[in-house]
Structures are given as structure tokens and as C-alpha cells.
N, C-alpha and C. Protein backbone atom coordinates (compact mmCIF):
# COMPACT_ATOMS: atom_id res chain seq x y z
N MET A 1 -28.79 17.84 -2.65
CA MET A 1 -28.68 19.03 -1.82
C MET A 1 -29.72 20.06 -2.22
N ASP A 2 -30.06 20.09 -3.54
CA ASP A 2 -31.07 21.03 -4.00
C ASP A 2 -32.40 20.75 -3.35
N GLY A 3 -33.06 21.80 -2.89
CA GLY A 3 -34.37 21.65 -2.33
C GLY A 3 -34.40 21.26 -0.87
N CYS A 4 -33.25 21.09 -0.24
CA CYS A 4 -33.25 20.68 1.17
C CYS A 4 -33.66 21.84 2.06
N LEU A 5 -33.43 23.06 1.60
CA LEU A 5 -33.91 24.24 2.30
C LEU A 5 -34.68 25.11 1.33
N HIS A 6 -35.72 25.72 1.81
CA HIS A 6 -36.55 26.53 0.94
C HIS A 6 -36.65 27.94 1.49
N GLY A 7 -36.95 28.88 0.62
CA GLY A 7 -37.09 30.25 1.06
C GLY A 7 -36.64 31.19 -0.05
N PRO A 8 -36.79 32.49 0.16
CA PRO A 8 -36.41 33.45 -0.87
C PRO A 8 -34.90 33.47 -1.08
N GLY A 9 -34.50 33.73 -2.31
CA GLY A 9 -33.08 33.81 -2.63
C GLY A 9 -32.48 32.44 -2.89
N LEU A 10 -31.21 32.44 -3.27
CA LEU A 10 -30.50 31.21 -3.56
C LEU A 10 -29.86 30.68 -2.30
N PHE A 11 -29.91 29.36 -2.13
CA PHE A 11 -29.30 28.72 -0.97
C PHE A 11 -27.84 28.42 -1.28
N ASN A 12 -26.97 28.83 -0.39
CA ASN A 12 -25.54 28.64 -0.57
C ASN A 12 -25.14 27.26 -0.07
N LYS A 13 -24.91 26.33 -1.00
CA LYS A 13 -24.54 24.96 -0.62
C LYS A 13 -23.22 24.91 0.12
N ARG A 14 -22.32 25.81 -0.25
CA ARG A 14 -21.00 25.77 0.36
C ARG A 14 -21.08 26.01 1.87
N LYS A 15 -22.04 26.87 2.28
CA LYS A 15 -22.17 27.14 3.71
C LYS A 15 -22.59 25.89 4.45
N LEU A 16 -23.51 25.13 3.87
CA LEU A 16 -23.97 23.91 4.52
C LEU A 16 -22.85 22.88 4.60
N LEU A 17 -22.11 22.71 3.50
CA LEU A 17 -21.00 21.76 3.50
C LEU A 17 -19.92 22.20 4.47
N HIS A 18 -19.64 23.49 4.49
CA HIS A 18 -18.61 23.98 5.40
C HIS A 18 -19.04 23.79 6.85
N ALA A 19 -20.32 24.03 7.12
CA ALA A 19 -20.83 23.84 8.47
C ALA A 19 -20.72 22.39 8.90
N HIS A 20 -21.07 21.49 7.98
CA HIS A 20 -20.99 20.07 8.30
C HIS A 20 -19.53 19.67 8.52
N TYR A 21 -18.63 20.22 7.70
CA TYR A 21 -17.20 19.92 7.85
C TYR A 21 -16.69 20.40 9.20
N LEU A 22 -17.10 21.60 9.61
CA LEU A 22 -16.68 22.12 10.90
C LEU A 22 -17.15 21.23 12.04
N HIS A 23 -18.37 20.73 11.93
CA HIS A 23 -18.88 19.84 12.96
C HIS A 23 -18.04 18.56 13.03
N CYS A 24 -17.70 18.01 11.87
CA CYS A 24 -16.87 16.80 11.83
C CYS A 24 -15.51 17.06 12.44
N VAL A 25 -14.90 18.21 12.10
CA VAL A 25 -13.58 18.54 12.62
C VAL A 25 -13.63 18.72 14.13
N MET A 26 -14.67 19.37 14.62
CA MET A 26 -14.76 19.58 16.06
C MET A 26 -14.95 18.26 16.79
N LEU A 27 -15.72 17.37 16.20
CA LEU A 27 -15.89 16.05 16.81
C LEU A 27 -14.60 15.25 16.74
N ALA A 28 -13.87 15.38 15.61
CA ALA A 28 -12.64 14.62 15.44
C ALA A 28 -11.57 15.06 16.44
N GLY A 29 -11.63 16.31 16.87
CA GLY A 29 -10.66 16.80 17.83
C GLY A 29 -10.79 16.15 19.20
N GLN A 30 -11.97 15.63 19.53
CA GLN A 30 -12.19 14.94 20.79
C GLN A 30 -12.84 13.59 20.52
N PRO A 31 -12.12 12.64 19.91
CA PRO A 31 -12.72 11.39 19.47
C PRO A 31 -13.22 10.50 20.60
N HIS A 32 -12.67 10.67 21.80
CA HIS A 32 -13.05 9.79 22.89
C HIS A 32 -13.91 10.50 23.93
N GLN A 33 -14.37 11.70 23.61
CA GLN A 33 -15.18 12.44 24.55
C GLN A 33 -16.51 12.79 23.90
N THR A 34 -17.49 13.04 24.72
CA THR A 34 -18.82 13.39 24.22
C THR A 34 -19.09 14.86 24.47
N LYS A 35 -18.12 15.69 24.20
CA LYS A 35 -18.23 17.12 24.41
C LYS A 35 -19.26 17.70 23.46
N SER A 36 -20.15 18.52 24.01
CA SER A 36 -21.20 19.11 23.18
C SER A 36 -20.61 20.14 22.23
N VAL A 37 -21.22 20.26 21.06
CA VAL A 37 -20.76 21.18 20.04
C VAL A 37 -21.81 22.26 19.85
N GLU A 38 -21.38 23.48 19.76
CA GLU A 38 -22.32 24.58 19.58
C GLU A 38 -23.04 24.42 18.24
N PRO A 39 -24.36 24.47 18.23
CA PRO A 39 -25.11 24.26 16.99
C PRO A 39 -24.87 25.36 15.97
N ILE A 40 -24.94 25.00 14.72
CA ILE A 40 -24.79 25.95 13.62
C ILE A 40 -26.12 26.03 12.88
N ASN A 41 -26.58 27.25 12.63
CA ASN A 41 -27.86 27.46 11.96
C ASN A 41 -27.64 28.14 10.62
N ILE A 42 -28.32 27.65 9.59
CA ILE A 42 -28.27 28.25 8.26
C ILE A 42 -29.70 28.51 7.83
N GLN A 43 -30.01 29.77 7.57
CA GLN A 43 -31.35 30.19 7.18
C GLN A 43 -32.40 29.70 8.18
N GLY A 44 -32.05 29.78 9.46
CA GLY A 44 -33.00 29.42 10.49
C GLY A 44 -33.12 27.95 10.79
N ARG A 45 -32.35 27.11 10.11
CA ARG A 45 -32.41 25.67 10.35
C ARG A 45 -31.07 25.18 10.90
N GLU A 46 -31.16 24.33 11.90
CA GLU A 46 -29.96 23.83 12.55
C GLU A 46 -29.34 22.70 11.75
N VAL A 47 -28.02 22.75 11.59
CA VAL A 47 -27.29 21.70 10.89
C VAL A 47 -27.02 20.57 11.88
N ALA A 48 -27.49 19.39 11.56
CA ALA A 48 -27.37 18.25 12.47
C ALA A 48 -25.92 17.76 12.56
N VAL A 49 -25.52 17.35 13.74
CA VAL A 49 -24.21 16.74 13.96
C VAL A 49 -24.38 15.23 13.85
N VAL A 50 -23.65 14.62 12.95
CA VAL A 50 -23.78 13.19 12.71
C VAL A 50 -22.43 12.52 12.83
N GLY A 51 -22.44 11.23 13.15
CA GLY A 51 -21.20 10.49 13.25
C GLY A 51 -20.70 10.00 11.92
N GLN A 52 -21.60 9.85 10.94
CA GLN A 52 -21.24 9.35 9.61
C GLN A 52 -22.15 10.00 8.58
N TYR A 53 -21.57 10.34 7.42
CA TYR A 53 -22.32 11.05 6.38
C TYR A 53 -21.81 10.61 5.01
N LYS A 54 -22.72 10.41 4.09
CA LYS A 54 -22.37 10.02 2.73
C LYS A 54 -22.66 11.18 1.80
N TYR A 55 -21.63 11.60 1.06
CA TYR A 55 -21.77 12.72 0.14
C TYR A 55 -21.10 12.38 -1.18
N LEU A 56 -21.86 12.43 -2.25
CA LEU A 56 -21.36 12.11 -3.59
C LEU A 56 -20.68 10.75 -3.64
N GLY A 57 -21.24 9.79 -2.91
CA GLY A 57 -20.72 8.43 -2.94
C GLY A 57 -19.56 8.16 -2.02
N VAL A 58 -19.10 9.17 -1.28
CA VAL A 58 -17.97 9.02 -0.36
C VAL A 58 -18.49 9.07 1.07
N HIS A 59 -18.05 8.13 1.90
CA HIS A 59 -18.48 8.05 3.29
C HIS A 59 -17.51 8.80 4.19
N LEU A 60 -18.00 9.78 4.92
CA LEU A 60 -17.20 10.55 5.87
C LEU A 60 -17.68 10.24 7.28
N ASN A 61 -16.76 10.22 8.23
CA ASN A 61 -17.17 10.04 9.62
C ASN A 61 -16.55 11.12 10.49
N SER A 62 -17.00 11.18 11.74
CA SER A 62 -16.55 12.24 12.65
C SER A 62 -15.08 12.11 13.02
N ARG A 63 -14.48 10.94 12.80
CA ARG A 63 -13.05 10.74 13.10
C ARG A 63 -12.16 11.11 11.91
N LEU A 64 -12.78 11.27 10.74
CA LEU A 64 -12.04 11.61 9.52
C LEU A 64 -10.93 10.60 9.23
N ASP A 65 -11.20 9.32 9.47
CA ASP A 65 -10.18 8.29 9.25
C ASP A 65 -10.47 7.42 8.02
N TRP A 66 -11.54 7.68 7.30
CA TRP A 66 -11.91 6.99 6.06
C TRP A 66 -12.21 5.51 6.25
N LYS A 67 -12.34 5.07 7.48
CA LYS A 67 -12.60 3.65 7.73
C LYS A 67 -13.94 3.23 7.15
N ASP A 68 -14.95 4.06 7.34
CA ASP A 68 -16.29 3.74 6.82
C ASP A 68 -16.29 3.67 5.30
N ASN A 69 -15.51 4.55 4.67
CA ASN A 69 -15.48 4.56 3.22
C ASN A 69 -14.77 3.33 2.65
N SER A 70 -13.64 2.97 3.23
CA SER A 70 -12.91 1.79 2.76
C SER A 70 -13.73 0.52 2.99
N LYS A 71 -14.47 0.48 4.09
CA LYS A 71 -15.33 -0.66 4.38
C LYS A 71 -16.44 -0.76 3.34
N ALA A 72 -17.02 0.39 2.99
CA ALA A 72 -18.10 0.41 1.99
C ALA A 72 -17.57 0.01 0.61
N ALA A 73 -16.35 0.46 0.27
CA ALA A 73 -15.76 0.11 -1.02
C ALA A 73 -15.48 -1.39 -1.10
N TYR A 74 -14.97 -1.94 0.00
CA TYR A 74 -14.70 -3.39 0.04
C TYR A 74 -15.99 -4.19 -0.09
N LYS A 75 -17.02 -3.77 0.62
CA LYS A 75 -18.30 -4.48 0.58
C LYS A 75 -18.90 -4.44 -0.82
N LYS A 76 -18.82 -3.29 -1.46
CA LYS A 76 -19.35 -3.17 -2.82
C LYS A 76 -18.52 -3.99 -3.80
N GLY A 77 -17.20 -3.99 -3.60
CA GLY A 77 -16.33 -4.79 -4.47
C GLY A 77 -16.61 -6.28 -4.34
N MET A 78 -16.85 -6.75 -3.12
CA MET A 78 -17.15 -8.16 -2.91
C MET A 78 -18.46 -8.56 -3.57
N SER A 79 -19.46 -7.70 -3.50
CA SER A 79 -20.74 -8.02 -4.13
C SER A 79 -20.62 -8.09 -5.65
N ARG A 80 -19.74 -7.26 -6.22
CA ARG A 80 -19.55 -7.28 -7.67
C ARG A 80 -18.62 -8.40 -8.10
N LEU A 81 -17.78 -8.87 -7.19
CA LEU A 81 -16.91 -10.00 -7.50
C LEU A 81 -17.75 -11.25 -7.80
N PHE A 82 -18.91 -11.35 -7.18
CA PHE A 82 -19.81 -12.48 -7.42
C PHE A 82 -20.17 -12.58 -8.91
N PHE A 83 -20.46 -11.44 -9.53
CA PHE A 83 -20.84 -11.44 -10.95
C PHE A 83 -19.65 -11.79 -11.84
N LEU A 84 -18.45 -11.37 -11.42
CA LEU A 84 -17.25 -11.74 -12.18
C LEU A 84 -17.07 -13.25 -12.18
N ARG A 85 -17.25 -13.86 -11.03
CA ARG A 85 -17.13 -15.32 -10.93
C ARG A 85 -18.24 -16.01 -11.72
N LYS A 86 -19.41 -15.40 -11.75
CA LYS A 86 -20.52 -15.97 -12.50
C LYS A 86 -20.19 -15.98 -13.99
N LEU A 87 -19.62 -14.89 -14.48
CA LEU A 87 -19.22 -14.84 -15.89
C LEU A 87 -18.16 -15.89 -16.19
N ARG A 88 -17.24 -16.07 -15.24
CA ARG A 88 -16.19 -17.07 -15.42
C ARG A 88 -16.78 -18.47 -15.57
N SER A 89 -17.85 -18.74 -14.84
CA SER A 89 -18.49 -20.07 -14.91
C SER A 89 -19.12 -20.32 -16.28
N PHE A 90 -19.36 -19.24 -17.04
CA PHE A 90 -19.92 -19.37 -18.38
C PHE A 90 -18.83 -19.45 -19.45
N ASN A 91 -17.57 -19.62 -18.99
CA ASN A 91 -16.42 -19.75 -19.89
C ASN A 91 -16.20 -18.51 -20.76
N VAL A 92 -16.44 -17.35 -20.18
CA VAL A 92 -16.14 -16.09 -20.87
C VAL A 92 -14.63 -15.93 -20.93
N CYS A 93 -14.11 -15.42 -22.04
CA CYS A 93 -12.66 -15.31 -22.21
C CYS A 93 -12.06 -14.32 -21.20
N SER A 94 -10.78 -14.48 -20.92
CA SER A 94 -10.08 -13.67 -19.92
C SER A 94 -10.09 -12.18 -20.27
N LYS A 95 -10.00 -11.87 -21.55
CA LYS A 95 -9.98 -10.46 -21.96
C LYS A 95 -11.27 -9.76 -21.57
N LEU A 96 -12.40 -10.41 -21.83
CA LEU A 96 -13.68 -9.81 -21.47
C LEU A 96 -13.86 -9.76 -19.95
N LEU A 97 -13.32 -10.76 -19.24
CA LEU A 97 -13.40 -10.76 -17.78
C LEU A 97 -12.61 -9.59 -17.20
N GLU A 98 -11.46 -9.32 -17.79
CA GLU A 98 -10.64 -8.21 -17.30
C GLU A 98 -11.33 -6.87 -17.57
N ILE A 99 -11.95 -6.75 -18.73
CA ILE A 99 -12.71 -5.53 -19.04
C ILE A 99 -13.85 -5.35 -18.05
N PHE A 100 -14.54 -6.46 -17.76
CA PHE A 100 -15.63 -6.42 -16.81
C PHE A 100 -15.12 -5.98 -15.43
N PHE A 101 -13.97 -6.51 -15.03
CA PHE A 101 -13.39 -6.13 -13.73
C PHE A 101 -13.09 -4.64 -13.68
N GLN A 102 -12.46 -4.11 -14.72
CA GLN A 102 -12.07 -2.71 -14.71
C GLN A 102 -13.27 -1.77 -14.66
N TYR A 103 -14.33 -2.10 -15.39
CA TYR A 103 -15.47 -1.19 -15.49
C TYR A 103 -16.53 -1.44 -14.43
N PHE A 104 -16.55 -2.62 -13.81
CA PHE A 104 -17.63 -2.93 -12.89
C PHE A 104 -17.13 -3.12 -11.45
N VAL A 105 -16.00 -3.77 -11.28
CA VAL A 105 -15.48 -4.02 -9.93
C VAL A 105 -14.50 -2.93 -9.51
N ALA A 106 -13.50 -2.66 -10.36
CA ALA A 106 -12.48 -1.66 -10.01
C ALA A 106 -13.08 -0.27 -9.86
N SER A 107 -14.12 0.03 -10.62
CA SER A 107 -14.74 1.34 -10.52
C SER A 107 -15.31 1.59 -9.13
N ALA A 108 -15.74 0.52 -8.45
CA ALA A 108 -16.23 0.63 -7.08
C ALA A 108 -15.09 0.72 -6.08
N LEU A 109 -14.03 -0.05 -6.31
CA LEU A 109 -12.90 -0.07 -5.38
C LEU A 109 -12.11 1.24 -5.39
N TYR A 110 -11.94 1.82 -6.58
CA TYR A 110 -11.07 2.98 -6.73
C TYR A 110 -11.83 4.30 -6.80
N PHE A 111 -13.12 4.28 -6.52
CA PHE A 111 -13.90 5.52 -6.60
C PHE A 111 -13.38 6.54 -5.59
N ALA A 112 -12.93 7.70 -6.07
CA ALA A 112 -12.41 8.80 -5.23
C ALA A 112 -11.21 8.36 -4.40
N ASP A 113 -10.43 7.38 -4.90
CA ASP A 113 -9.30 6.88 -4.12
C ASP A 113 -8.20 7.92 -3.92
N VAL A 114 -8.14 8.94 -4.76
CA VAL A 114 -7.13 9.98 -4.55
C VAL A 114 -7.42 10.78 -3.28
N CYS A 115 -8.67 10.72 -2.82
CA CYS A 115 -9.03 11.43 -1.59
C CYS A 115 -8.76 10.60 -0.34
N TRP A 116 -9.13 9.33 -0.40
CA TRP A 116 -9.05 8.51 0.82
C TRP A 116 -7.97 7.42 0.79
N GLY A 117 -7.43 7.13 -0.38
CA GLY A 117 -6.51 6.00 -0.51
C GLY A 117 -5.26 6.09 0.33
N SER A 118 -4.72 7.29 0.54
CA SER A 118 -3.47 7.43 1.29
C SER A 118 -3.68 7.46 2.79
N SER A 119 -4.95 7.51 3.23
CA SER A 119 -5.24 7.61 4.66
C SER A 119 -5.85 6.34 5.23
N THR A 120 -5.95 5.31 4.43
CA THR A 120 -6.58 4.07 4.87
C THR A 120 -5.58 3.20 5.63
N SER A 121 -6.07 2.46 6.60
CA SER A 121 -5.20 1.62 7.41
C SER A 121 -4.65 0.45 6.60
N LYS A 122 -3.56 -0.11 7.10
CA LYS A 122 -2.93 -1.25 6.42
C LYS A 122 -3.87 -2.44 6.37
N ARG A 123 -4.67 -2.60 7.41
CA ARG A 123 -5.63 -3.71 7.45
C ARG A 123 -6.64 -3.59 6.31
N ASP A 124 -7.13 -2.37 6.09
CA ASP A 124 -8.09 -2.18 5.00
C ASP A 124 -7.43 -2.37 3.64
N PHE A 125 -6.16 -1.91 3.51
CA PHE A 125 -5.42 -2.14 2.27
C PHE A 125 -5.33 -3.64 1.97
N ASN A 126 -4.98 -4.40 3.00
CA ASN A 126 -4.81 -5.85 2.82
C ASN A 126 -6.12 -6.52 2.40
N ARG A 127 -7.22 -6.06 2.96
CA ARG A 127 -8.52 -6.64 2.60
C ARG A 127 -8.85 -6.36 1.13
N ILE A 128 -8.60 -5.14 0.71
CA ILE A 128 -8.89 -4.78 -0.68
C ILE A 128 -7.95 -5.51 -1.63
N ASP A 129 -6.67 -5.60 -1.25
CA ASP A 129 -5.71 -6.33 -2.09
C ASP A 129 -6.07 -7.81 -2.19
N LYS A 130 -6.57 -8.38 -1.11
CA LYS A 130 -7.00 -9.77 -1.14
C LYS A 130 -8.16 -9.96 -2.11
N LEU A 131 -9.08 -8.99 -2.12
CA LEU A 131 -10.20 -9.03 -3.07
C LEU A 131 -9.68 -8.97 -4.51
N ILE A 132 -8.70 -8.07 -4.74
CA ILE A 132 -8.14 -7.92 -6.08
C ILE A 132 -7.44 -9.21 -6.52
N ARG A 133 -6.75 -9.87 -5.60
CA ARG A 133 -6.10 -11.14 -5.94
C ARG A 133 -7.13 -12.22 -6.30
N LYS A 134 -8.24 -12.23 -5.58
CA LYS A 134 -9.30 -13.18 -5.90
C LYS A 134 -9.87 -12.92 -7.28
N ALA A 135 -10.03 -11.64 -7.62
CA ALA A 135 -10.51 -11.29 -8.95
C ALA A 135 -9.51 -11.73 -10.01
N GLY A 136 -8.21 -11.54 -9.72
CA GLY A 136 -7.18 -11.97 -10.67
C GLY A 136 -7.19 -13.47 -10.89
N GLN A 137 -7.47 -14.23 -9.85
CA GLN A 137 -7.56 -15.68 -9.98
C GLN A 137 -8.74 -16.07 -10.86
N SER A 138 -9.85 -15.35 -10.73
CA SER A 138 -11.02 -15.63 -11.57
C SER A 138 -10.76 -15.29 -13.03
N ILE A 139 -9.98 -14.22 -13.23
CA ILE A 139 -9.68 -13.79 -14.60
C ILE A 139 -8.59 -14.65 -15.21
N GLY A 140 -7.64 -15.10 -14.37
CA GLY A 140 -6.51 -15.87 -14.86
C GLY A 140 -5.30 -15.00 -15.13
N THR A 141 -5.19 -13.89 -14.41
CA THR A 141 -4.05 -12.99 -14.58
C THR A 141 -3.77 -12.29 -13.26
N GLN A 142 -2.59 -11.68 -13.16
CA GLN A 142 -2.24 -10.94 -11.95
C GLN A 142 -2.60 -9.47 -12.13
N LEU A 143 -3.47 -8.98 -11.27
CA LEU A 143 -3.93 -7.60 -11.35
C LEU A 143 -3.04 -6.69 -10.50
N GLU A 144 -2.99 -5.44 -10.87
CA GLU A 144 -2.16 -4.46 -10.16
C GLU A 144 -2.70 -4.23 -8.75
N ALA A 145 -1.81 -4.12 -7.78
CA ALA A 145 -2.20 -3.91 -6.39
C ALA A 145 -2.85 -2.56 -6.20
N PHE A 146 -3.65 -2.46 -5.16
CA PHE A 146 -4.40 -1.23 -4.89
C PHE A 146 -3.48 -0.02 -4.75
N VAL A 147 -2.39 -0.17 -3.99
CA VAL A 147 -1.49 0.95 -3.75
C VAL A 147 -0.87 1.46 -5.05
N SER A 148 -0.52 0.57 -5.95
CA SER A 148 0.08 0.98 -7.22
C SER A 148 -0.91 1.79 -8.06
N VAL A 149 -2.14 1.32 -8.10
CA VAL A 149 -3.17 2.04 -8.86
C VAL A 149 -3.44 3.39 -8.21
N ARG A 150 -3.56 3.38 -6.89
CA ARG A 150 -3.82 4.63 -6.17
C ARG A 150 -2.73 5.67 -6.43
N ASP A 151 -1.46 5.26 -6.34
CA ASP A 151 -0.35 6.20 -6.53
C ASP A 151 -0.33 6.74 -7.96
N ARG A 152 -0.60 5.89 -8.92
CA ARG A 152 -0.60 6.35 -10.31
C ARG A 152 -1.73 7.35 -10.56
N ARG A 153 -2.90 7.06 -10.04
CA ARG A 153 -4.04 7.95 -10.22
C ARG A 153 -3.84 9.27 -9.47
N THR A 154 -3.21 9.18 -8.29
CA THR A 154 -2.94 10.39 -7.51
C THR A 154 -1.97 11.29 -8.24
N LEU A 155 -0.90 10.71 -8.78
CA LEU A 155 0.09 11.50 -9.51
C LEU A 155 -0.51 12.10 -10.77
N ASP A 156 -1.35 11.34 -11.47
CA ASP A 156 -2.02 11.88 -12.66
C ASP A 156 -2.90 13.07 -12.31
N LYS A 157 -3.60 12.97 -11.19
CA LYS A 157 -4.45 14.08 -10.75
C LYS A 157 -3.63 15.30 -10.41
N LEU A 158 -2.50 15.09 -9.71
CA LEU A 158 -1.64 16.21 -9.36
C LEU A 158 -1.10 16.91 -10.60
N LEU A 159 -0.63 16.13 -11.57
CA LEU A 159 -0.08 16.72 -12.80
C LEU A 159 -1.15 17.50 -13.56
N ALA A 160 -2.38 16.98 -13.54
CA ALA A 160 -3.47 17.70 -14.21
C ALA A 160 -3.74 19.03 -13.53
N ILE A 161 -3.67 19.06 -12.19
CA ILE A 161 -3.89 20.31 -11.46
C ILE A 161 -2.76 21.29 -11.71
N MET A 162 -1.51 20.78 -11.75
CA MET A 162 -0.35 21.65 -11.97
C MET A 162 -0.36 22.28 -13.35
N ASP A 163 -1.02 21.63 -14.29
CA ASP A 163 -1.09 22.16 -15.66
C ASP A 163 -2.31 23.05 -15.87
N ASN A 164 -3.08 23.27 -14.80
CA ASN A 164 -4.31 24.05 -14.93
C ASN A 164 -4.36 25.14 -13.86
N PRO A 165 -3.83 26.33 -14.14
CA PRO A 165 -3.82 27.42 -13.14
C PRO A 165 -5.22 27.81 -12.68
N ALA A 166 -6.24 27.47 -13.44
CA ALA A 166 -7.61 27.83 -13.05
C ALA A 166 -8.20 26.86 -12.04
N HIS A 167 -7.50 25.76 -11.77
CA HIS A 167 -8.03 24.77 -10.83
C HIS A 167 -8.03 25.35 -9.41
N PRO A 168 -9.09 25.08 -8.61
CA PRO A 168 -9.16 25.63 -7.25
C PRO A 168 -7.99 25.24 -6.35
N LEU A 169 -7.34 24.09 -6.61
CA LEU A 169 -6.22 23.64 -5.77
C LEU A 169 -4.85 24.07 -6.31
N TYR A 170 -4.83 24.76 -7.42
CA TYR A 170 -3.54 25.11 -8.04
C TYR A 170 -2.67 25.93 -7.09
N GLN A 171 -3.19 27.01 -6.53
CA GLN A 171 -2.42 27.86 -5.64
C GLN A 171 -2.05 27.13 -4.35
N THR A 172 -2.94 26.26 -3.87
CA THR A 172 -2.67 25.50 -2.65
C THR A 172 -1.47 24.59 -2.84
N ILE A 173 -1.44 23.90 -3.97
CA ILE A 173 -0.34 22.99 -4.25
C ILE A 173 0.97 23.75 -4.47
N GLU A 174 0.89 24.89 -5.13
CA GLU A 174 2.08 25.70 -5.36
C GLU A 174 2.71 26.14 -4.04
N GLY A 175 1.88 26.35 -3.02
CA GLY A 175 2.41 26.86 -1.76
C GLY A 175 2.63 25.83 -0.68
N GLN A 176 2.37 24.54 -0.97
CA GLN A 176 2.51 23.51 0.05
C GLN A 176 3.40 22.37 -0.42
N TRP A 177 4.69 22.62 -0.50
CA TRP A 177 5.63 21.58 -0.89
C TRP A 177 6.41 21.07 0.32
N SER A 178 5.87 21.22 1.51
CA SER A 178 6.46 20.66 2.72
C SER A 178 5.35 20.13 3.60
N SER A 179 5.69 19.21 4.49
CA SER A 179 4.68 18.58 5.35
C SER A 179 4.71 19.20 6.74
N TYR A 180 3.54 19.14 7.41
CA TYR A 180 3.44 19.76 8.73
C TYR A 180 2.97 18.79 9.80
N SER A 181 2.26 17.75 9.42
CA SER A 181 1.77 16.79 10.41
C SER A 181 1.51 15.47 9.72
N ASN A 182 1.34 14.42 10.51
CA ASN A 182 1.09 13.09 9.96
C ASN A 182 -0.23 13.07 9.20
N ARG A 183 -1.23 13.81 9.72
CA ARG A 183 -2.52 13.85 9.03
C ARG A 183 -2.39 14.51 7.66
N LEU A 184 -1.61 15.61 7.60
CA LEU A 184 -1.41 16.26 6.32
C LEU A 184 -0.63 15.38 5.36
N LEU A 185 0.32 14.59 5.91
CA LEU A 185 1.09 13.68 5.07
C LEU A 185 0.17 12.68 4.37
N GLN A 186 -0.95 12.37 5.00
CA GLN A 186 -1.87 11.39 4.45
C GLN A 186 -2.95 12.03 3.58
N SER A 187 -2.92 13.35 3.43
CA SER A 187 -3.91 14.02 2.60
C SER A 187 -3.53 13.90 1.13
N PHE A 188 -4.49 14.17 0.25
CA PHE A 188 -4.23 14.06 -1.18
C PHE A 188 -3.10 14.99 -1.61
N ILE A 189 -3.14 16.24 -1.15
CA ILE A 189 -2.19 17.24 -1.65
C ILE A 189 -0.75 16.84 -1.34
N LEU A 190 -0.45 16.58 -0.08
CA LEU A 190 0.94 16.29 0.27
C LEU A 190 1.37 14.90 -0.15
N HIS A 191 0.44 13.94 -0.13
CA HIS A 191 0.79 12.61 -0.63
C HIS A 191 1.14 12.67 -2.10
N SER A 192 0.36 13.43 -2.87
CA SER A 192 0.63 13.55 -4.30
C SER A 192 1.94 14.29 -4.56
N ILE A 193 2.25 15.28 -3.71
CA ILE A 193 3.51 16.00 -3.86
C ILE A 193 4.69 15.07 -3.61
N GLN A 194 4.57 14.20 -2.59
CA GLN A 194 5.63 13.23 -2.32
C GLN A 194 5.84 12.29 -3.50
N LEU A 195 4.75 11.84 -4.09
CA LEU A 195 4.85 10.98 -5.28
C LEU A 195 5.54 11.72 -6.42
N HIS A 196 5.16 12.98 -6.59
CA HIS A 196 5.74 13.79 -7.67
C HIS A 196 7.24 13.96 -7.48
N ASN A 197 7.68 14.19 -6.24
CA ASN A 197 9.10 14.41 -5.97
C ASN A 197 9.95 13.18 -6.24
N HIS A 198 9.34 12.00 -6.22
CA HIS A 198 10.06 10.75 -6.47
C HIS A 198 9.78 10.19 -7.87
N SER A 199 9.22 11.01 -8.72
CA SER A 199 8.90 10.57 -10.08
C SER A 199 9.72 11.33 -11.11
N PRO A 200 9.76 10.86 -12.35
CA PRO A 200 10.51 11.58 -13.40
C PRO A 200 9.95 12.97 -13.68
N TYR A 201 8.68 13.22 -13.28
CA TYR A 201 8.07 14.50 -13.56
C TYR A 201 8.63 15.62 -12.68
N SER A 202 9.42 15.28 -11.65
CA SER A 202 9.94 16.28 -10.73
C SER A 202 10.94 17.21 -11.42
N ASN A 203 11.45 16.82 -12.59
CA ASN A 203 12.43 17.65 -13.30
C ASN A 203 11.78 18.55 -14.33
N ARG A 204 10.43 18.58 -14.30
CA ARG A 204 9.73 19.42 -15.28
C ARG A 204 9.99 20.89 -15.02
């Protein structure tokens, strides 16, 4: 993002990200129509409206359905599964294969899963779980399902935020312990709150 715009003074990255987010939201509101969107200009430059955008390794699209991101995670996981199978052919022990899976394959599958994991379709879940089962067969053990890992990581993230009043989401979580729409139910904040309410930590 640095250097994408030049000129006197400091460039406010948040304005650009917010502008891009607004464009995505406006497009998502009319997914089946080609309604024109009023252009947004920052420091004299127009922010482009795109159907898909990659930011910090996460794929966003104008529908905000995370389909592109889950597809990219699956594709990357499959390419790394090849190396796991290659190691297996060299008779590497199961312990080292599992370590390799966690640091090389799982890191691609679960990257930013607390953001997109609760909003992914069942079909995409099944594809990722099938990949995980294939990896488990190569290792010789049963690996934890995607949903179980996602829920554990989501709850851990929520607890970390609740213990840190300085976190930007602390006040948001404190004030949102009820759901308002299906889309919000699938967001990180409310999904994590639901997990918290059904966990032993709810009595804290």
C-alpha cells in the first residue's frame, strides 16, 4: 500500500481501505444487477471498483461470500499436499510428517480462518475436509476436521480480545451479544460469541 499514491503529507491508508470496502458493500447490495456506483476519489485519484481483491493474503470479492478465498486456500493446500506425499514416499516418520502438515499445509488452509471460516459454504467445507483426510491418510493418523480447528481458533481469538481492553474490537464485542441478521451470524464477532456462550468460559 505504501507508495501507491504520492504527494505532500502522509497518505491515509484507512481512507483507501474504507473506500474500497464501501465499493464492495455497494456492489454486494445488488449482486445480480450492474448498477453504476458513484466513484470515490482520494487525493485526486479515483478508487477502482473491482469484483475481486487480495489484501494481506485474503481474497475478497464484491459478493462478500468468501468463495474466492476458500477456493484459493483449497488450491494452495492441494499444491502443498503433493510435497507431503513426496516426503511419505521417502519413508519419513509419521511424527515429522505431521509437523510438516501443521507448518506447511495447515498454515495455508487455516490462514485468517477466524475471518472467513464461519461464512464458507458447506461445499467448500467438504472440499477442505476431504483434503485434510487425504493428508491424514498420508501421515497415518486422523487429523482434526476444519470446523473443529476453526471453532477453537475463533474462541481463542475472542478470549484474547476480551482480556485486552485496548484491542480495537473490545468495545464492539462488549456491546454485541445478540444477533441481527444471518450475515452477522456468520461474522467473526457473533460467531465467536456463540461459541463462547456454549463453552466453559461463559461462566467467567
